[in-house]
């Protein structure tokens, strides 16, 4: 497949999408370890939201940060689709795969992405459900890095789809008790994800009200976008506790309460997902063991001609709204 054009979505202004027609990538453009993917579905991640609102992509090479406006397919990195062509012998044309659009340009008919960020999947589900493997892979990797949580009390700050997946995995990894905290009332679904004690509260208020003997051993910050919530996690954690900062900050530099870190001998971890193919395979196995998570987590699915509505909904947390997915097949 060479030449021709394809459809894509692109921001025409902050928080405003339009449709564009752009050159279609071909197999001859693939470098080593790349896959040409026909995108069938994409998930909207909280880390996409600042870009949707017009923030430049600060993860570009130094000095090359580009505006999100006008970039075809941007911003979407959680994708499921079929392989069209590949330079990686681990994949073959026609294979169903899931993972990352590594340039965050997955809102398009076709995308070129790194093969190390993809995996085939066995679960007999539609692409709109399979896309859940990508965020779950990130959660599984973070919990793996956090270490053994057997018999620990764990708290998750932020009960969006990521936070609820954290709760489910922590409980299944042996946590004695899982606490969940969110400004949105998640009592209707919290226990389905293994949360023993859901709190409808601001994280700072909840942390300030904790008794010394009620502090969790592990605290996961799954909110991001602000500076205060990391310190709420630090203040909540028990002595010698662990804090995993999973939420992506809008500002690259944050201030942390080092006095509390030192006095309580805390361990702070953060980071993205490495070894992506292995983690996607683990996510596939996890979802096959817990197939109810598809219906519990993916609450809204939109067509490709409804991208604007999908992102508008995903921007603001709300009761009953968890994972928002866009079906990209057939194209508009």
Protein backbone atom coordinates (compact mmCIF):
# COMPACT_ATOMS: atom_id res chain seq x y z
CA UNK A 1 0.00 0.00 0.00
CA UNK A 2 1.60 3.25 -1.12
CA UNK A 3 0.38 6.70 -1.96
CA UNK A 4 -3.17 7.92 -1.70
CA UNK A 5 -4.74 9.73 1.20
CA UNK A 6 -6.49 8.91 4.44
CA UNK A 7 -8.79 10.68 6.89
CA UNK A 8 -7.67 11.87 10.29
CA UNK A 9 -8.91 14.12 13.04
CA UNK A 10 -6.98 17.24 14.00
CA UNK A 11 -7.47 20.08 16.42
CA UNK A 12 -8.35 23.29 14.60
CA UNK A 13 -8.29 25.29 17.85
CA UNK A 14 -8.01 24.39 21.54
CA UNK A 15 -10.66 21.76 22.37
CA UNK A 16 -12.05 21.86 18.82
CA UNK A 17 -11.68 19.01 16.31
CA UNK A 18 -12.04 18.97 12.56
CA UNK A 19 -11.60 16.32 9.87
CA UNK A 20 -8.60 16.43 7.54
CA UNK A 21 -7.33 14.45 4.59
CA UNK A 22 -3.61 13.70 4.69
CA UNK A 23 -1.12 11.48 2.82
CA UNK A 24 -1.48 7.82 3.73
CA UNK A 25 1.67 6.15 5.09
CA UNK A 26 2.97 3.19 3.12
CA UNK A 27 4.94 0.06 3.93
CA UNK A 28 8.00 1.56 2.25
CA UNK A 29 8.16 4.26 4.90
CA UNK A 30 8.66 1.82 7.76
CA UNK A 31 11.96 1.83 9.61
CA UNK A 32 13.37 -1.09 11.60
CA UNK A 33 11.00 -2.25 14.32
CA UNK A 34 7.93 -0.42 13.06
CA UNK A 35 4.36 -1.40 12.23
CA UNK A 36 1.85 0.18 9.87
CA UNK A 37 -1.43 -0.16 11.70
CA UNK A 38 -5.01 0.25 10.54
CA UNK A 39 -6.57 1.82 13.62
CA UNK A 40 -9.90 0.35 14.68
CA UNK A 41 -10.38 1.94 18.09
CA UNK A 42 -8.73 4.37 20.46
CA UNK A 43 -9.10 5.20 24.12
CA UNK A 44 -8.97 8.70 25.59
CA UNK A 45 -6.42 8.98 28.40
CA UNK A 46 -6.20 11.69 31.05
CA UNK A 47 -2.73 12.53 29.73
CA UNK A 48 -4.33 13.44 26.37
CA UNK A 49 -6.47 16.14 27.98
CA UNK A 50 -3.87 18.97 28.22
CA UNK A 51 -3.01 18.47 24.55
CA UNK A 52 -6.71 18.52 23.65
CA UNK A 53 -6.93 21.86 25.45
CA UNK A 54 -4.06 23.21 23.36
CA UNK A 55 -0.92 22.62 25.44
CA UNK A 56 2.25 22.06 23.34
CA UNK A 57 3.70 18.56 23.44
CA UNK A 58 6.52 19.04 25.93
CA UNK A 59 7.83 15.50 25.41
CA UNK A 60 9.17 16.51 22.02
CA UNK A 61 12.97 16.82 21.67
CA UNK A 62 14.34 19.87 23.50
CA UNK A 63 13.48 23.09 21.73
CA UNK A 64 11.04 21.40 19.35
CA UNK A 65 7.82 21.49 21.37
CA UNK A 66 5.03 21.85 18.86
CA UNK A 67 1.49 23.00 19.35
CA UNK A 68 -1.17 20.33 19.42
CA UNK A 69 -3.16 22.40 16.94
CA UNK A 70 -3.21 21.04 13.41
CA UNK A 71 -1.34 17.79 14.02
CA UNK A 72 -3.19 14.94 12.26
CA UNK A 73 -4.31 12.18 14.59
CA UNK A 74 -3.27 14.06 17.72
CA UNK A 75 -3.79 13.53 20.66
CA UNK A 76 -4.44 9.79 21.03
CA UNK A 77 -1.98 7.07 22.02
CA UNK A 78 -4.15 4.16 23.22
CA UNK A 79 -4.99 2.16 20.09
CA UNK A 80 -6.20 -1.21 18.85
CA UNK A 81 -6.13 -2.26 15.21
CA UNK A 82 -4.81 -4.64 12.58
CA UNK A 83 -1.32 -4.91 11.15
CA UNK A 84 -1.05 -3.77 7.52
CA UNK A 85 2.72 -4.08 7.16
CA UNK A 86 5.68 -4.55 9.51
CA UNK A 87 9.46 -4.80 9.63
CA UNK A 88 9.26 -6.81 12.87
CA UNK A 89 9.01 -10.59 12.35
CA UNK A 90 7.05 -10.87 15.61
CA UNK A 91 4.01 -9.53 13.74
CA UNK A 92 2.25 -10.36 10.50
CA UNK A 93 -0.29 -8.58 8.29
CA UNK A 94 -3.88 -9.02 9.43
CA UNK A 95 -2.95 -9.62 13.05
CA UNK A 96 -5.02 -7.89 15.72
CA UNK A 97 -2.81 -5.83 18.03
CA UNK A 98 -3.15 -3.29 20.83
CA UNK A 99 -0.83 -0.80 22.46
CA UNK A 100 0.66 2.64 21.91
CA UNK A 101 0.59 5.01 18.96
CA UNK A 102 4.03 6.24 19.93
CA UNK A 103 3.66 9.66 18.28
CA UNK A 104 0.27 10.24 19.99
CA UNK A 105 -1.26 10.40 16.50
CA UNK A 106 -3.68 7.48 16.68
CA UNK A 107 -6.86 9.32 15.72
CA UNK A 108 -6.41 8.47 12.05
CA UNK A 109 -7.21 5.75 9.57
CA UNK A 110 -3.61 4.47 9.55
CA UNK A 111 -0.65 5.09 11.86
CA UNK A 112 3.03 4.09 11.96
CA UNK A 113 4.16 3.08 15.44
CA UNK A 114 6.99 1.24 17.18
CA UNK A 115 6.47 -2.52 17.27
CA UNK A 116 7.93 -2.75 20.79
CA UNK A 117 4.86 -0.82 21.97
CA UNK A 118 2.38 -3.35 20.55
CA UNK A 119 1.22 -6.86 21.35
CA UNK A 120 -1.21 -9.30 19.84
CA UNK A 121 -4.11 -10.20 22.09
CA UNK A 122 -6.09 -13.38 22.65
CA UNK A 123 -9.19 -12.09 24.40
CA UNK A 124 -12.18 -12.52 22.02
CA UNK A 125 -13.37 -8.94 22.31
CA UNK A 126 -14.11 -6.04 20.01
CA UNK A 127 -11.34 -3.45 19.40
CA UNK A 128 -13.35 -0.94 21.45
CA UNK A 129 -12.87 -3.24 24.45
CA UNK A 130 -9.38 -4.47 23.59
CA UNK A 131 -8.03 -0.93 23.82
CA UNK A 132 -8.43 -1.29 27.61
CA UNK A 133 -5.31 -3.50 27.61
CA UNK A 134 -3.08 -0.45 27.15
CA UNK A 135 -4.01 1.44 30.36
CA UNK A 136 -4.17 -1.83 32.27
CA UNK A 137 -0.63 -2.65 31.12
CA UNK A 138 0.50 0.66 32.61
CA UNK A 139 -1.22 -0.11 35.91
CA UNK A 140 0.24 -3.62 36.11
CA UNK A 141 3.73 -2.26 35.49
CA UNK A 142 3.35 0.38 38.22
CA UNK A 143 2.08 -2.19 40.74
CA UNK A 144 4.95 -4.50 39.80
CA UNK A 145 7.42 -1.69 40.54
CA UNK A 146 5.68 -0.85 43.81
CA UNK A 147 6.54 -4.32 45.13
CA UNK A 148 4.73 -6.87 47.26
CA UNK A 149 1.47 -5.46 48.66
CA UNK A 150 0.36 -8.62 50.44
CA UNK A 151 -1.59 -7.69 53.59
CA UNK A 152 -0.94 -3.97 53.03
CA UNK A 153 -3.49 -1.21 53.36
CA UNK A 154 -3.49 0.62 50.03
CA UNK A 155 -5.10 3.91 49.06
CA UNK A 156 -5.82 5.14 45.55
CA UNK A 157 -6.29 8.88 45.04
CA UNK A 158 -8.47 9.48 41.99
CA UNK A 159 -11.07 6.93 40.94
CA UNK A 160 -11.24 7.45 37.22
CA UNK A 161 -10.66 4.39 35.03
CA UNK A 162 -6.95 4.28 35.91
CA UNK A 163 -7.52 4.60 39.64
CA UNK A 164 -10.21 1.93 39.64
CA UNK A 165 -7.95 -0.43 37.69
CA UNK A 166 -5.25 0.21 40.30
CA UNK A 167 -7.71 -0.71 43.05
CA UNK A 168 -8.66 -3.94 41.28
CA UNK A 169 -5.06 -5.00 40.71
CA UNK A 170 -3.92 -4.09 44.25
CA UNK A 171 -6.77 -6.12 45.73
CA UNK A 172 -5.96 -9.08 43.49
CA UNK A 173 -2.27 -8.81 44.40
CA UNK A 174 -3.14 -9.41 48.05
CA UNK A 175 -3.83 -6.00 49.60
CA UNK A 176 -5.66 -6.46 52.90
CA UNK A 177 -7.69 -3.30 52.44
CA UNK A 178 -8.11 -0.87 49.55
CA UNK A 179 -9.24 2.71 50.12
CA UNK A 180 -10.44 4.93 47.28
CA UNK A 181 -10.74 8.72 47.32
CA UNK A 182 -12.34 10.96 44.70
CA UNK A 183 -14.28 14.22 44.43
CA UNK A 184 -16.77 12.29 42.27
CA UNK A 185 -19.06 9.83 44.02
CA UNK A 186 -17.91 6.37 42.89
CA UNK A 187 -19.89 4.39 45.48
CA UNK A 188 -21.98 2.78 42.72
CA UNK A 189 -19.00 0.92 41.25
CA UNK A 190 -16.16 1.12 43.79
CA UNK A 191 -16.76 -2.28 45.31
CA UNK A 192 -16.84 -3.91 41.88
CA UNK A 193 -13.19 -2.86 41.62
CA UNK A 194 -12.20 -4.21 45.04
CA UNK A 195 -12.44 -0.97 47.03
CA UNK A 196 -13.33 -1.68 50.67
CA UNK A 197 -13.70 1.95 51.73
CA UNK A 198 -14.74 4.50 49.08
CA UNK A 199 -14.48 8.14 50.17
CA UNK A 200 -16.33 10.92 48.37
CA UNK A 201 -14.01 13.75 49.34
CA UNK A 202 -11.18 16.03 48.28
CA UNK A 203 -7.88 14.21 48.74
CA UNK A 204 -6.44 16.97 50.94
CA UNK A 205 -9.41 16.87 53.29
CA UNK A 206 -9.26 13.09 53.49
CA UNK A 207 -5.49 13.04 54.15
CA UNK A 208 -5.73 15.73 56.85
CA UNK A 209 -8.39 13.77 58.72
CA UNK A 210 -6.51 10.47 58.95
CA UNK A 211 -5.65 9.12 62.39
CA UNK A 212 -2.08 7.89 62.84
CA UNK A 213 -3.18 4.26 62.95
CA UNK A 214 -5.33 4.60 59.81
CA UNK A 215 -2.60 5.68 57.39
CA UNK A 216 -2.11 3.41 54.36
CA UNK A 217 1.10 1.50 53.66
CA UNK A 218 0.85 2.27 49.92
CA UNK A 219 -0.64 5.37 48.32
CA UNK A 220 -1.17 5.67 44.55
CA UNK A 221 -1.72 9.15 43.14
CA UNK A 222 -3.79 8.54 40.00
CA UNK A 223 -5.00 12.10 39.42
CA UNK A 224 -2.21 14.24 37.97
CA UNK A 225 -2.65 17.69 36.40
CA UNK A 226 -1.98 19.57 39.65
CA UNK A 227 0.74 19.98 42.26
CA UNK A 228 -1.18 19.53 45.51
CA UNK A 229 -2.28 15.91 45.21
CA UNK A 230 1.24 14.46 45.36
CA UNK A 231 1.73 16.08 48.75
CA UNK A 232 -1.67 14.79 49.85
CA UNK A 233 -0.35 11.29 49.10
CA UNK A 234 2.86 12.01 51.04
CA UNK A 235 0.91 13.31 54.04
CA UNK A 236 -1.46 10.33 53.99
CA UNK A 237 1.16 7.57 53.87
CA UNK A 238 2.14 5.60 56.94
CA UNK A 239 5.67 5.60 58.33
CA UNK A 240 7.99 3.65 55.97
CA UNK A 241 5.20 3.72 53.39
CA UNK A 242 5.40 3.81 49.62
CA UNK A 243 3.95 6.46 47.30
CA UNK A 244 3.54 5.84 43.57
CA UNK A 245 2.98 9.00 41.59
CA UNK A 246 1.18 7.80 38.47
CA UNK A 247 -0.75 10.94 37.51
CA UNK A 248 0.93 13.04 34.82
CA UNK A 249 1.59 16.62 36.00
CA UNK A 250 0.70 19.57 33.79
CA UNK A 251 3.71 21.46 35.17
CA UNK A 252 7.08 19.69 34.87
CA UNK A 253 8.43 20.98 38.22
CA UNK A 254 6.63 20.33 41.51
CA UNK A 255 7.44 21.02 45.15
CA UNK A 256 7.34 18.07 47.53
CA UNK A 257 7.17 18.10 51.33
CA UNK A 258 10.65 16.70 51.97
CA UNK A 259 10.27 17.14 55.71
CA UNK A 260 7.40 14.64 55.66
CA UNK A 261 9.34 12.36 53.31
CA UNK A 262 12.30 12.30 55.71
CA UNK A 263 10.40 12.08 58.98
CA UNK A 264 8.29 9.18 57.73
CA UNK A 265 11.07 7.38 55.80
CA UNK A 266 8.91 7.24 52.69
CA UNK A 267 9.72 5.79 49.28
CA UNK A 268 8.50 7.76 46.26
CA UNK A 269 8.26 6.16 42.83
CA UNK A 270 7.03 7.40 39.47
CA UNK A 271 7.53 6.67 35.81
CA UNK A 272 6.09 5.42 32.55
CA UNK A 273 5.77 1.88 31.29
CA UNK A 274 8.83 0.02 30.03
CA UNK A 275 8.86 -3.50 28.57
CA UNK A 276 5.56 -2.65 26.92
CA UNK A 277 5.03 -5.84 24.94
CA UNK A 278 5.41 -8.01 28.04
CA UNK A 279 3.05 -5.81 30.03
CA UNK A 280 0.42 -5.83 27.27
CA UNK A 281 0.57 -9.63 27.27
CA UNK A 282 0.13 -9.62 31.05
CA UNK A 283 -2.82 -7.27 30.68
CA UNK A 284 -4.38 -9.64 28.15
CA UNK A 285 -4.01 -12.53 30.62
CA UNK A 286 -5.44 -10.41 33.45
CA UNK A 287 -8.50 -9.40 31.45
CA UNK A 288 -9.13 -12.97 30.38
CA UNK A 289 -9.14 -13.86 34.08
CA UNK A 290 -11.39 -10.88 34.88
CA UNK A 291 -13.57 -10.34 31.78
CA UNK A 292 -16.10 -8.32 33.77
CA UNK A 293 -13.65 -5.40 33.71
CA UNK A 294 -14.46 -4.62 30.07
CA UNK A 295 -18.08 -3.72 30.76
CA UNK A 296 -17.29 -2.13 34.13
CA UNK A 297 -14.57 0.18 32.81
CA UNK A 298 -15.56 1.12 29.25
CA UNK A 299 -18.72 3.14 29.86
CA UNK A 300 -18.97 5.25 26.69
CA UNK A 301 -18.16 4.45 23.06
CA UNK A 302 -18.43 6.99 20.24
CA UNK A 303 -18.03 6.77 16.47
CA UNK A 304 -15.31 8.52 14.50
CA UNK A 305 -17.75 11.28 13.57
CA UNK A 306 -18.37 11.89 17.29
CA UNK A 307 -14.78 12.60 18.36
CA UNK A 308 -15.67 16.07 19.59
CA UNK A 309 -18.41 14.70 21.85
CA UNK A 310 -16.08 11.97 23.11
CA UNK A 311 -13.36 14.39 24.19
CA UNK A 312 -15.82 16.88 25.61
CA UNK A 313 -17.18 14.12 27.82
CA UNK A 314 -13.74 12.79 28.79
CA UNK A 315 -12.43 16.17 29.95
CA UNK A 316 -14.60 16.42 33.06
CA UNK A 317 -14.96 13.55 35.56
CA UNK A 318 -18.58 12.69 36.28
CA UNK A 319 -20.61 9.96 38.00
CA UNK A 320 -21.22 7.04 35.67
CA UNK A 321 -18.46 8.08 33.25
CA UNK A 322 -15.28 6.02 33.24
CA UNK A 323 -13.35 5.01 30.10
CA UNK A 324 -14.33 6.83 26.92
CA UNK A 325 -13.47 4.99 23.68
CA UNK A 326 -13.73 6.04 20.05
CA UNK A 327 -14.49 3.48 17.33
CA UNK A 328 -12.45 4.45 14.26
CA UNK A 329 -13.78 1.86 11.83
CA UNK A 330 -15.30 2.61 9.44
CA UNK A 331 -13.91 6.09 8.92
CA UNK A 332 -16.12 9.12 8.37
